[in-house]
Amino acid sequence: IALAHANDFMRSDEVVPASAGLLLMFGVGSVVGPVLASQVMGVLGFN
């Protein structure tokens, strides 16, 4: 849905390079997410 919303404001020739950049942003979040979550789990328990 976030990808579709971003693409609504792009020209057709911008869709692929912009989507590649957005996927990279998702990848950055995927790197940070497990690290942050595990730190919180270490403090608060598995919940």
ModelCIF file with pLDDT and N, C-alpha, C, O atoms, coordinates in Angstrom:
data_MODEL
#
_entry.id   MODEL 
#
_entity.id                         1 
_entity.type                       polymer 
_entity.pdbx_number_of_molecules   1 
#
_entity_poly.entity_id                      1 
_entity_poly.type                           'polypeptide(L)' 
_entity_poly.nstd_linkage                   no 
_entity_poly.nstd_monomer                   no 
_entity_poly.pdbx_seq_one_letter_code       IALAHANDFMRSDEVVPASAGLLLMFGVGSVVGPVLASQVMGVLGFN 
_entity_poly.pdbx_seq_one_letter_code_can   IALAHANDFMRSDEVVPASAGLLLMFGVGSVVGPVLASQVMGVLGFN 
_entity_poly.pdbx_strand_id                 A 
#
loop_
_entity_poly_seq.entity_id 
_entity_poly_seq.num 
_entity_poly_seq.mon_id 
_entity_poly_seq.hetero 
1 1  ILE n 
1 2  ALA n 
1 3  LEU n 
1 4  ALA n 
1 5  HIS n 
1 6  ALA n 
1 7  ASN n 
1 8  ASP n 
1 9  PHE n 
1 10 MET n 
1 11 ARG n 
1 12 SER n 
1 13 ASP n 
1 14 GLU n 
1 15 VAL n 
1 16 VAL n 
1 17 PRO n 
1 18 ALA n 
1 19 SER n 
1 20 ALA n 
1 21 GLY n 
1 22 LEU n 
1 23 LEU n 
1 24 LEU n 
1 25 MET n 
1 26 PHE n 
1 27 GLY n 
1 28 VAL n 
1 29 GLY n 
1 30 SER n 
1 31 VAL n 
1 32 VAL n 
1 33 GLY n 
1 34 PRO n 
1 35 VAL n 
1 36 LEU n 
1 37 ALA n 
1 38 SER n 
1 39 GLN n 
1 40 VAL n 
1 41 MET n 
1 42 GLY n 
1 43 VAL n 
1 44 LEU n 
1 45 GLY n 
1 46 PHE n 
1 47 ASN n 
#
_struct_asym.id          A 
_struct_asym.entity_id   1 
#
loop_
_ma_qa_metric.id 
_ma_qa_metric.mode 
_ma_qa_metric.name 
_ma_qa_metric.software_group_id 
_ma_qa_metric.type 
1 global pLDDT . pLDDT 
2 local  pLDDT . pLDDT 
#
_ma_qa_metric_global.metric_id      1 
_ma_qa_metric_global.metric_value   82.57 
_ma_qa_metric_global.model_id       1 
_ma_qa_metric_global.ordinal_id     1 
#
loop_
_ma_qa_metric_local.label_asym_id 
_ma_qa_metric_local.label_comp_id 
_ma_qa_metric_local.label_seq_id 
_ma_qa_metric_local.metric_id 
_ma_qa_metric_local.metric_value 
_ma_qa_metric_local.model_id 
_ma_qa_metric_local.ordinal_id 
A ILE 1  2 86.00 1 1  
A ALA 2  2 85.00 1 2  
A LEU 3  2 80.00 1 3  
A ALA 4  2 81.00 1 4  
A HIS 5  2 80.00 1 5  
A ALA 6  2 82.00 1 6  
A ASN 7  2 76.00 1 7  
A ASP 8  2 78.00 1 8  
A PHE 9  2 77.00 1 9  
A MET 10 2 74.00 1 10 
A ARG 11 2 70.00 1 11 
A SER 12 2 66.00 1 12 
A ASP 13 2 64.00 1 13 
A GLU 14 2 67.00 1 14 
A VAL 15 2 66.00 1 15 
A VAL 16 2 67.00 1 16 
A PRO 17 2 72.00 1 17 
A ALA 18 2 73.00 1 18 
A SER 19 2 70.00 1 19 
A ALA 20 2 73.00 1 20 
A GLY 21 2 78.00 1 21 
A LEU 22 2 79.00 1 22 
A LEU 23 2 79.00 1 23 
A LEU 24 2 81.00 1 24 
A MET 25 2 85.00 1 25 
A PHE 26 2 85.00 1 26 
A GLY 27 2 85.00 1 27 
A VAL 28 2 88.00 1 28 
A GLY 29 2 90.00 1 29 
A SER 30 2 89.00 1 30 
A VAL 31 2 90.00 1 31 
A VAL 32 2 92.00 1 32 
A GLY 33 2 92.00 1 33 
A PRO 34 2 93.00 1 34 
A VAL 35 2 93.00 1 35 
A LEU 36 2 94.00 1 36 
A ALA 37 2 93.00 1 37 
A SER 38 2 92.00 1 38 
A GLN 39 2 93.00 1 39 
A VAL 40 2 94.00 1 40 
A MET 41 2 92.00 1 41 
A GLY 42 2 89.00 1 42 
A VAL 43 2 90.00 1 43 
A LEU 44 2 91.00 1 44 
A GLY 45 2 89.00 1 45 
A PHE 46 2 88.00 1 46 
A ASN 47 2 90.00 1 47 
#
loop_
_atom_site.group_PDB 
_atom_site.id 
_atom_site.type_symbol 
_atom_site.label_atom_id 
_atom_site.label_alt_id 
_atom_site.label_comp_id 
_atom_site.label_asym_id 
_atom_site.label_entity_id 
_atom_site.label_seq_id 
_atom_site.pdbx_PDB_ins_code 
_atom_site.Cartn_x 
_atom_site.Cartn_y 
_atom_site.Cartn_z 
_atom_site.occupancy 
_atom_site.B_iso_or_equiv 
_atom_site.pdbx_formal_charge 
_atom_site.auth_seq_id 
_atom_site.auth_comp_id 
_atom_site.auth_asym_id 
_atom_site.auth_atom_id 
_atom_site.pdbx_PDB_model_num 
ATOM 1   N N  . ILE A 1 1  ? 0.840  -1.202  0.000   1.00 86.00 ? 1  ILE A N  1 
ATOM 2   C CA . ILE A 1 1  ? 0.000  0.000   0.000   1.00 86.00 ? 1  ILE A CA 1 
ATOM 3   C C  . ILE A 1 1  ? 0.875  1.253   0.000   1.00 86.00 ? 1  ILE A C  1 
ATOM 4   O O  . ILE A 1 1  ? 0.583  2.213   -0.713  1.00 86.00 ? 1  ILE A O  1 
ATOM 5   N N  . ALA A 1 2  ? 1.944  1.248   0.793   1.00 85.00 ? 2  ALA A N  1 
ATOM 6   C CA . ALA A 1 2  ? 2.869  2.388   0.803   1.00 85.00 ? 2  ALA A CA 1 
ATOM 7   C C  . ALA A 1 2  ? 3.509  2.568   -0.560  1.00 85.00 ? 2  ALA A C  1 
ATOM 8   O O  . ALA A 1 2  ? 3.674  3.693   -1.032  1.00 85.00 ? 2  ALA A O  1 
ATOM 9   N N  . LEU A 1 3  ? 3.871  1.461   -1.191  1.00 80.00 ? 3  LEU A N  1 
ATOM 10  C CA . LEU A 1 3  ? 4.475  1.517   -2.523  1.00 80.00 ? 3  LEU A CA 1 
ATOM 11  C C  . LEU A 1 3  ? 3.484  2.073   -3.542  1.00 80.00 ? 3  LEU A C  1 
ATOM 12  O O  . LEU A 1 3  ? 3.844  2.904   -4.375  1.00 80.00 ? 3  LEU A O  1 
ATOM 13  N N  . ALA A 1 4  ? 2.237  1.612   -3.473  1.00 81.00 ? 4  ALA A N  1 
ATOM 14  C CA . ALA A 1 4  ? 1.208  2.094   -4.396  1.00 81.00 ? 4  ALA A CA 1 
ATOM 15  C C  . ALA A 1 4  ? 0.946  3.586   -4.187  1.00 81.00 ? 4  ALA A C  1 
ATOM 16  O O  . ALA A 1 4  ? 0.771  4.329   -5.153  1.00 81.00 ? 4  ALA A O  1 
ATOM 17  N N  . HIS A 1 5  ? 0.921  4.020   -2.933  1.00 80.00 ? 5  HIS A N  1 
ATOM 18  C CA . HIS A 1 5  ? 0.700  5.443   -2.653  1.00 80.00 ? 5  HIS A CA 1 
ATOM 19  C C  . HIS A 1 5  ? 1.834  6.283   -3.235  1.00 80.00 ? 5  HIS A C  1 
ATOM 20  O O  . HIS A 1 5  ? 1.583  7.319   -3.850  1.00 80.00 ? 5  HIS A O  1 
ATOM 21  N N  . ALA A 1 6  ? 3.067  5.849   -3.047  1.00 82.00 ? 6  ALA A N  1 
ATOM 22  C CA . ALA A 1 6  ? 4.202  6.597   -3.602  1.00 82.00 ? 6  ALA A CA 1 
ATOM 23  C C  . ALA A 1 6  ? 4.139  6.635   -5.121  1.00 82.00 ? 6  ALA A C  1 
ATOM 24  O O  . ALA A 1 6  ? 4.410  7.668   -5.733  1.00 82.00 ? 6  ALA A O  1 
ATOM 25  N N  . ASN A 1 7  ? 3.782  5.511   -5.728  1.00 76.00 ? 7  ASN A N  1 
ATOM 26  C CA . ASN A 1 7  ? 3.729  5.448   -7.185  1.00 76.00 ? 7  ASN A CA 1 
ATOM 27  C C  . ASN A 1 7  ? 2.641  6.333   -7.777  1.00 76.00 ? 7  ASN A C  1 
ATOM 28  O O  . ASN A 1 7  ? 2.732  6.737   -8.936  1.00 76.00 ? 7  ASN A O  1 
ATOM 29  N N  . ASP A 1 8  ? 1.602  6.640   -6.984  1.00 78.00 ? 8  ASP A N  1 
ATOM 30  C CA . ASP A 1 8  ? 0.525  7.511   -7.465  1.00 78.00 ? 8  ASP A CA 1 
ATOM 31  C C  . ASP A 1 8  ? 1.048  8.904   -7.839  1.00 78.00 ? 8  ASP A C  1 
ATOM 32  O O  . ASP A 1 8  ? 0.433  9.597   -8.650  1.00 78.00 ? 8  ASP A O  1 
ATOM 33  N N  . PHE A 1 9  ? 2.170  9.313   -7.257  1.00 77.00 ? 9  PHE A N  1 
ATOM 34  C CA . PHE A 1 9  ? 2.699  10.659  -7.486  1.00 77.00 ? 9  PHE A CA 1 
ATOM 35  C C  . PHE A 1 9  ? 3.902  10.644  -8.441  1.00 77.00 ? 9  PHE A C  1 
ATOM 36  O O  . PHE A 1 9  ? 4.625  11.635  -8.541  1.00 77.00 ? 9  PHE A O  1 
ATOM 37  N N  . MET A 1 10 ? 4.113  9.531   -9.136  1.00 74.00 ? 10 MET A N  1 
ATOM 38  C CA . MET A 1 10 ? 5.274  9.412   -10.017 1.00 74.00 ? 10 MET A CA 1 
ATOM 39  C C  . MET A 1 10 ? 4.857  9.267   -11.470 1.00 74.00 ? 10 MET A C  1 
ATOM 40  O O  . MET A 1 10 ? 3.773  8.770   -11.778 1.00 74.00 ? 10 MET A O  1 
ATOM 41  N N  . ARG A 1 11 ? 5.744  9.715   -12.360 1.00 70.00 ? 11 ARG A N  1 
ATOM 42  C CA . ARG A 1 11 ? 5.570  9.442   -13.772 1.00 70.00 ? 11 ARG A CA 1 
ATOM 43  C C  . ARG A 1 11 ? 5.882  7.969   -14.028 1.00 70.00 ? 11 ARG A C  1 
ATOM 44  O O  . ARG A 1 11 ? 6.555  7.322   -13.225 1.00 70.00 ? 11 ARG A O  1 
ATOM 45  N N  . SER A 1 12 ? 5.389  7.443   -15.153 1.00 66.00 ? 12 SER A N  1 
ATOM 46  C CA . SER A 1 12 ? 5.608  6.027   -15.441 1.00 66.00 ? 12 SER A CA 1 
ATOM 47  C C  . SER A 1 12 ? 7.088  5.688   -15.549 1.00 66.00 ? 12 SER A C  1 
ATOM 48  O O  . SER A 1 12 ? 7.498  4.581   -15.202 1.00 66.00 ? 12 SER A O  1 
ATOM 49  N N  . ASP A 1 13 ? 7.909  6.656   -16.040 1.00 64.00 ? 13 ASP A N  1 
ATOM 50  C CA . ASP A 1 13 ? 9.334  6.370   -16.168 1.00 64.00 ? 13 ASP A CA 1 
ATOM 51  C C  . ASP A 1 13 ? 10.072 6.441   -14.830 1.00 64.00 ? 13 ASP A C  1 
ATOM 52  O O  . ASP A 1 13 ? 11.239 6.060   -14.745 1.00 64.00 ? 13 ASP A O  1 
ATOM 53  N N  . GLU A 1 14 ? 9.387  6.933   -13.774 1.00 67.00 ? 14 GLU A N  1 
ATOM 54  C CA . GLU A 1 14 ? 9.998  7.000   -12.452 1.00 67.00 ? 14 GLU A CA 1 
ATOM 55  C C  . GLU A 1 14 ? 9.658  5.795   -11.583 1.00 67.00 ? 14 GLU A C  1 
ATOM 56  O O  . GLU A 1 14 ? 10.282 5.591   -10.541 1.00 67.00 ? 14 GLU A O  1 
ATOM 57  N N  . VAL A 1 15 ? 8.670  4.988   -11.998 1.00 66.00 ? 15 VAL A N  1 
ATOM 58  C CA . VAL A 1 15 ? 8.148  3.939   -11.132 1.00 66.00 ? 15 VAL A CA 1 
ATOM 59  C C  . VAL A 1 15 ? 9.213  2.919   -10.767 1.00 66.00 ? 15 VAL A C  1 
ATOM 60  O O  . VAL A 1 15 ? 9.393  2.613   -9.589  1.00 66.00 ? 15 VAL A O  1 
ATOM 61  N N  . VAL A 1 16 ? 9.924  2.385   -11.760 1.00 67.00 ? 16 VAL A N  1 
ATOM 62  C CA . VAL A 1 16 ? 10.904 1.336   -11.475 1.00 67.00 ? 16 VAL A CA 1 
ATOM 63  C C  . VAL A 1 16 ? 12.077 1.854   -10.643 1.00 67.00 ? 16 VAL A C  1 
ATOM 64  O O  . VAL A 1 16 ? 12.394 1.244   -9.622  1.00 67.00 ? 16 VAL A O  1 
ATOM 65  N N  . PRO A 1 17 ? 12.748 2.965   -11.035 1.00 72.00 ? 17 PRO A N  1 
ATOM 66  C CA . PRO A 1 17 ? 13.848 3.433   -10.186 1.00 72.00 ? 17 PRO A CA 1 
ATOM 67  C C  . PRO A 1 17 ? 13.401 3.877   -8.800  1.00 72.00 ? 17 PRO A C  1 
ATOM 68  O O  . PRO A 1 17 ? 14.134 3.688   -7.830  1.00 72.00 ? 17 PRO A O  1 
ATOM 69  N N  . ALA A 1 18 ? 12.203 4.469   -8.688  1.00 73.00 ? 18 ALA A N  1 
ATOM 70  C CA . ALA A 1 18 ? 11.716 4.870   -7.367  1.00 73.00 ? 18 ALA A CA 1 
ATOM 71  C C  . ALA A 1 18 ? 11.365 3.648   -6.529  1.00 73.00 ? 18 ALA A C  1 
ATOM 72  O O  . ALA A 1 18 ? 11.652 3.613   -5.332  1.00 73.00 ? 18 ALA A O  1 
ATOM 73  N N  . SER A 1 19 ? 10.747 2.644   -7.148  1.00 70.00 ? 19 SER A N  1 
ATOM 74  C CA . SER A 1 19 ? 10.407 1.427   -6.421  1.00 70.00 ? 19 SER A CA 1 
ATOM 75  C C  . SER A 1 19 ? 11.657 0.704   -5.952  1.00 70.00 ? 19 SER A C  1 
ATOM 76  O O  . SER A 1 19 ? 11.667 0.107   -4.876  1.00 70.00 ? 19 SER A O  1 
ATOM 77  N N  . ALA A 1 20 ? 12.714 0.757   -6.759  1.00 73.00 ? 20 ALA A N  1 
ATOM 78  C CA . ALA A 1 20 ? 13.983 0.165   -6.341  1.00 73.00 ? 20 ALA A CA 1 
ATOM 79  C C  . ALA A 1 20 ? 14.515 0.877   -5.101  1.00 73.00 ? 20 ALA A C  1 
ATOM 80  O O  . ALA A 1 20 ? 15.030 0.239   -4.183  1.00 73.00 ? 20 ALA A O  1 
ATOM 81  N N  . GLY A 1 21 ? 14.388 2.199   -5.080  1.00 78.00 ? 21 GLY A N  1 
ATOM 82  C CA . GLY A 1 21 ? 14.825 2.951   -3.908  1.00 78.00 ? 21 GLY A CA 1 
ATOM 83  C C  . GLY A 1 21 ? 13.966 2.671   -2.698  1.00 78.00 ? 21 GLY A C  1 
ATOM 84  O O  . GLY A 1 21 ? 14.472 2.590   -1.579  1.00 78.00 ? 21 GLY A O  1 
ATOM 85  N N  . LEU A 1 22 ? 12.642 2.517   -2.915  1.00 79.00 ? 22 LEU A N  1 
ATOM 86  C CA . LEU A 1 22 ? 11.743 2.219   -1.804  1.00 79.00 ? 22 LEU A CA 1 
ATOM 87  C C  . LEU A 1 22 ? 11.996 0.819   -1.244  1.00 79.00 ? 22 LEU A C  1 
ATOM 88  O O  . LEU A 1 22 ? 11.899 0.600   -0.037  1.00 79.00 ? 22 LEU A O  1 
ATOM 89  N N  . LEU A 1 23 ? 12.318 -0.122  -2.128  1.00 79.00 ? 23 LEU A N  1 
ATOM 90  C CA . LEU A 1 23 ? 12.670 -1.460  -1.658  1.00 79.00 ? 23 LEU A CA 1 
ATOM 91  C C  . LEU A 1 23 ? 13.949 -1.424  -0.834  1.00 79.00 ? 23 LEU A C  1 
ATOM 92  O O  . LEU A 1 23 ? 14.094 -2.164  0.139   1.00 79.00 ? 23 LEU A O  1 
ATOM 93  N N  . LEU A 1 24 ? 14.874 -0.558  -1.231  1.00 81.00 ? 24 LEU A N  1 
ATOM 94  C CA . LEU A 1 24 ? 16.098 -0.390  -0.450  1.00 81.00 ? 24 LEU A CA 1 
ATOM 95  C C  . LEU A 1 24 ? 15.769 0.167   0.936   1.00 81.00 ? 24 LEU A C  1 
ATOM 96  O O  . LEU A 1 24 ? 16.373 -0.243  1.928   1.00 81.00 ? 24 LEU A O  1 
ATOM 97  N N  . MET A 1 25 ? 14.809 1.107   1.009   1.00 85.00 ? 25 MET A N  1 
ATOM 98  C CA . MET A 1 25 ? 14.380 1.632   2.305   1.00 85.00 ? 25 MET A CA 1 
ATOM 99  C C  . MET A 1 25 ? 13.741 0.527   3.156   1.00 85.00 ? 25 MET A C  1 
ATOM 100 O O  . MET A 1 25 ? 13.964 0.460   4.364   1.00 85.00 ? 25 MET A O  1 
ATOM 101 N N  . PHE A 1 26 ? 12.953 -0.328  2.518   1.00 85.00 ? 26 PHE A N  1 
ATOM 102 C CA . PHE A 1 26 ? 12.396 -1.472  3.235   1.00 85.00 ? 26 PHE A CA 1 
ATOM 103 C C  . PHE A 1 26 ? 13.520 -2.367  3.754   1.00 85.00 ? 26 PHE A C  1 
ATOM 104 O O  . PHE A 1 26 ? 13.445 -2.878  4.872   1.00 85.00 ? 26 PHE A O  1 
ATOM 105 N N  . GLY A 1 27 ? 14.559 -2.555  2.942   1.00 85.00 ? 27 GLY A N  1 
ATOM 106 C CA . GLY A 1 27 ? 15.694 -3.373  3.357   1.00 85.00 ? 27 GLY A CA 1 
ATOM 107 C C  . GLY A 1 27 ? 16.418 -2.781  4.555   1.00 85.00 ? 27 GLY A C  1 
ATOM 108 O O  . GLY A 1 27 ? 16.837 -3.509  5.454   1.00 85.00 ? 27 GLY A O  1 
ATOM 109 N N  . VAL A 1 28 ? 16.565 -1.466  4.567   1.00 88.00 ? 28 VAL A N  1 
ATOM 110 C CA . VAL A 1 28 ? 17.203 -0.810  5.706   1.00 88.00 ? 28 VAL A CA 1 
ATOM 111 C C  . VAL A 1 28 ? 16.378 -1.048  6.963   1.00 88.00 ? 28 VAL A C  1 
ATOM 112 O O  . VAL A 1 28 ? 16.928 -1.343  8.023   1.00 88.00 ? 28 VAL A O  1 
ATOM 113 N N  . GLY A 1 29 ? 15.049 -0.920  6.847   1.00 90.00 ? 29 GLY A N  1 
ATOM 114 C CA . GLY A 1 29 ? 14.184 -1.202  7.987   1.00 90.00 ? 29 GLY A CA 1 
ATOM 115 C C  . GLY A 1 29 ? 14.292 -2.647  8.443   1.00 90.00 ? 29 GLY A C  1 
ATOM 116 O O  . GLY A 1 29 ? 14.214 -2.932  9.638   1.00 90.00 ? 29 GLY A O  1 
ATOM 117 N N  . SER A 1 30 ? 14.473 -3.568  7.484   1.00 89.00 ? 30 SER A N  1 
ATOM 118 C CA . SER A 1 30 ? 14.593 -4.984  7.819   1.00 89.00 ? 30 SER A CA 1 
ATOM 119 C C  . SER A 1 30 ? 15.898 -5.288  8.534   1.00 89.00 ? 30 SER A C  1 
ATOM 120 O O  . SER A 1 30 ? 15.986 -6.260  9.284   1.00 89.00 ? 30 SER A O  1 
ATOM 121 N N  . VAL A 1 31 ? 16.913 -4.464  8.306   1.00 90.00 ? 31 VAL A N  1 
ATOM 122 C CA . VAL A 1 31 ? 18.183 -4.623  9.019   1.00 90.00 ? 31 VAL A CA 1 
ATOM 123 C C  . VAL A 1 31 ? 18.030 -4.141  10.461  1.00 90.00 ? 31 VAL A C  1 
ATOM 124 O O  . VAL A 1 31 ? 18.457 -4.814  11.400  1.00 90.00 ? 31 VAL A O  1 
ATOM 125 N N  . VAL A 1 32 ? 17.421 -2.980  10.624  1.00 92.00 ? 32 VAL A N  1 
ATOM 126 C CA . VAL A 1 32 ? 17.319 -2.362  11.948  1.00 92.00 ? 32 VAL A CA 1 
ATOM 127 C C  . VAL A 1 32 ? 16.257 -3.041  12.809  1.00 92.00 ? 32 VAL A C  1 
ATOM 128 O O  . VAL A 1 32 ? 16.438 -3.167  14.020  1.00 92.00 ? 32 VAL A O  1 
ATOM 129 N N  . GLY A 1 33 ? 15.141 -3.484  12.196  1.00 92.00 ? 33 GLY A N  1 
ATOM 130 C CA . GLY A 1 33 ? 14.015 -4.028  12.935  1.00 92.00 ? 33 GLY A CA 1 
ATOM 131 C C  . GLY A 1 33 ? 14.358 -5.175  13.877  1.00 92.00 ? 33 GLY A C  1 
ATOM 132 O O  . GLY A 1 33 ? 14.041 -5.095  15.064  1.00 92.00 ? 33 GLY A O  1 
ATOM 133 N N  . PRO A 1 34 ? 15.001 -6.248  13.387  1.00 93.00 ? 34 PRO A N  1 
ATOM 134 C CA . PRO A 1 34 ? 15.319 -7.355  14.301  1.00 93.00 ? 34 PRO A CA 1 
ATOM 135 C C  . PRO A 1 34 ? 16.252 -6.953  15.435  1.00 93.00 ? 34 PRO A C  1 
ATOM 136 O O  . PRO A 1 34 ? 16.136 -7.469  16.547  1.00 93.00 ? 34 PRO A O  1 
ATOM 137 N N  . VAL A 1 35 ? 17.177 -6.034  15.162  1.00 93.00 ? 35 VAL A N  1 
ATOM 138 C CA . VAL A 1 35 ? 18.116 -5.598  16.198  1.00 93.00 ? 35 VAL A CA 1 
ATOM 139 C C  . VAL A 1 35 ? 17.369 -4.849  17.302  1.00 93.00 ? 35 VAL A C  1 
ATOM 140 O O  . VAL A 1 35 ? 17.551 -5.137  18.485  1.00 93.00 ? 35 VAL A O  1 
ATOM 141 N N  . LEU A 1 36 ? 16.530 -3.891  16.912  1.00 94.00 ? 36 LEU A N  1 
ATOM 142 C CA . LEU A 1 36 ? 15.769 -3.136  17.909  1.00 94.00 ? 36 LEU A CA 1 
ATOM 143 C C  . LEU A 1 36 ? 14.804 -4.038  18.675  1.00 94.00 ? 36 LEU A C  1 
ATOM 144 O O  . LEU A 1 36 ? 14.691 -3.945  19.897  1.00 94.00 ? 36 LEU A O  1 
ATOM 145 N N  . ALA A 1 37 ? 14.109 -4.911  17.943  1.00 93.00 ? 37 ALA A N  1 
ATOM 146 C CA . ALA A 1 37 ? 13.137 -5.784  18.592  1.00 93.00 ? 37 ALA A CA 1 
ATOM 147 C C  . ALA A 1 37 ? 13.807 -6.703  19.605  1.00 93.00 ? 37 ALA A C  1 
ATOM 148 O O  . ALA A 1 37 ? 13.277 -6.921  20.695  1.00 93.00 ? 37 ALA A O  1 
ATOM 149 N N  . SER A 1 38 ? 14.976 -7.244  19.246  1.00 92.00 ? 38 SER A N  1 
ATOM 150 C CA . SER A 1 38 ? 15.665 -8.154  20.166  1.00 92.00 ? 38 SER A CA 1 
ATOM 151 C C  . SER A 1 38 ? 16.147 -7.419  21.413  1.00 92.00 ? 38 SER A C  1 
ATOM 152 O O  . SER A 1 38 ? 16.177 -7.993  22.502  1.00 92.00 ? 38 SER A O  1 
ATOM 153 N N  . GLN A 1 39 ? 16.522 -6.154  21.257  1.00 93.00 ? 39 GLN A N  1 
ATOM 154 C CA . GLN A 1 39 ? 16.937 -5.380  22.428  1.00 93.00 ? 39 GLN A CA 1 
ATOM 155 C C  . GLN A 1 39 ? 15.751 -5.153  23.370  1.00 93.00 ? 39 GLN A C  1 
ATOM 156 O O  . GLN A 1 39 ? 15.886 -5.261  24.589  1.00 93.00 ? 39 GLN A O  1 
ATOM 157 N N  . VAL A 1 40 ? 14.591 -4.840  22.792  1.00 94.00 ? 40 VAL A N  1 
ATOM 158 C CA . VAL A 1 40 ? 13.384 -4.648  23.609  1.00 94.00 ? 40 VAL A CA 1 
ATOM 159 C C  . VAL A 1 40 ? 12.997 -5.955  24.284  1.00 94.00 ? 40 VAL A C  1 
ATOM 160 O O  . VAL A 1 40 ? 12.598 -5.960  25.448  1.00 94.00 ? 40 VAL A O  1 
ATOM 161 N N  . MET A 1 41 ? 13.115 -7.069  23.557  1.00 92.00 ? 41 MET A N  1 
ATOM 162 C CA . MET A 1 41 ? 12.792 -8.377  24.135  1.00 92.00 ? 41 MET A CA 1 
ATOM 163 C C  . MET A 1 41 ? 13.748 -8.719  25.276  1.00 92.00 ? 41 MET A C  1 
ATOM 164 O O  . MET A 1 41 ? 13.356 -9.360  26.251  1.00 92.00 ? 41 MET A O  1 
ATOM 165 N N  . GLY A 1 42 ? 14.999 -8.290  25.151  1.00 89.00 ? 42 GLY A N  1 
ATOM 166 C CA . GLY A 1 42 ? 15.959 -8.539  26.209  1.00 89.00 ? 42 GLY A CA 1 
ATOM 167 C C  . GLY A 1 42 ? 15.598 -7.823  27.493  1.00 89.00 ? 42 GLY A C  1 
ATOM 168 O O  . GLY A 1 42 ? 15.939 -8.279  28.584  1.00 89.00 ? 42 GLY A O  1 
ATOM 169 N N  . VAL A 1 43 ? 14.902 -6.694  27.362  1.00 90.00 ? 43 VAL A N  1 
ATOM 170 C CA . VAL A 1 43 ? 14.521 -5.900  28.540  1.00 90.00 ? 43 VAL A CA 1 
ATOM 171 C C  . VAL A 1 43 ? 13.145 -6.301  29.073  1.00 90.00 ? 43 VAL A C  1 
ATOM 172 O O  . VAL A 1 43 ? 12.965 -6.460  30.280  1.00 90.00 ? 43 VAL A O  1 
ATOM 173 N N  . LEU A 1 44 ? 12.161 -6.468  28.157  1.00 91.00 ? 44 LEU A N  1 
ATOM 174 C CA . LEU A 1 44 ? 10.775 -6.692  28.557  1.00 91.00 ? 44 LEU A CA 1 
ATOM 175 C C  . LEU A 1 44 ? 10.354 -8.153  28.507  1.00 91.00 ? 44 LEU A C  1 
ATOM 176 O O  . LEU A 1 44 ? 9.246  -8.487  28.926  1.00 91.00 ? 44 LEU A O  1 
ATOM 177 N N  . GLY A 1 45 ? 11.214 -9.027  28.004  1.00 89.00 ? 45 GLY A N  1 
ATOM 178 C CA . GLY A 1 45 ? 10.819 -10.421 27.840  1.00 89.00 ? 45 GLY A CA 1 
ATOM 179 C C  . GLY A 1 45 ? 10.277 -10.665 26.441  1.00 89.00 ? 45 GLY A C  1 
ATOM 180 O O  . GLY A 1 45 ? 10.272 -9.758  25.609  1.00 89.00 ? 45 GLY A O  1 
ATOM 181 N N  . PHE A 1 46 ? 9.819  -11.892 26.177  1.00 88.00 ? 46 PHE A N  1 
ATOM 182 C CA . PHE A 1 46 ? 9.419  -12.249 24.809  1.00 88.00 ? 46 PHE A CA 1 
ATOM 183 C C  . PHE A 1 46 ? 8.259  -11.408 24.302  1.00 88.00 ? 46 PHE A C  1 
ATOM 184 O O  . PHE A 1 46 ? 8.150  -11.192 23.095  1.00 88.00 ? 46 PHE A O  1 
ATOM 185 N N  . ASN A 1 47 ? 7.378  -10.922 25.193  1.00 90.00 ? 47 ASN A N  1 
ATOM 186 C CA . ASN A 1 47 ? 6.275  -10.057 24.757  1.00 90.00 ? 47 ASN A CA 1 
ATOM 187 C C  . ASN A 1 47 ? 6.770  -8.711  24.242  1.00 90.00 ? 47 ASN A C  1 
ATOM 188 O O  . ASN A 1 47 ? 5.966  -7.871  23.838  1.00 90.00 ? 47 ASN A O  1 
#
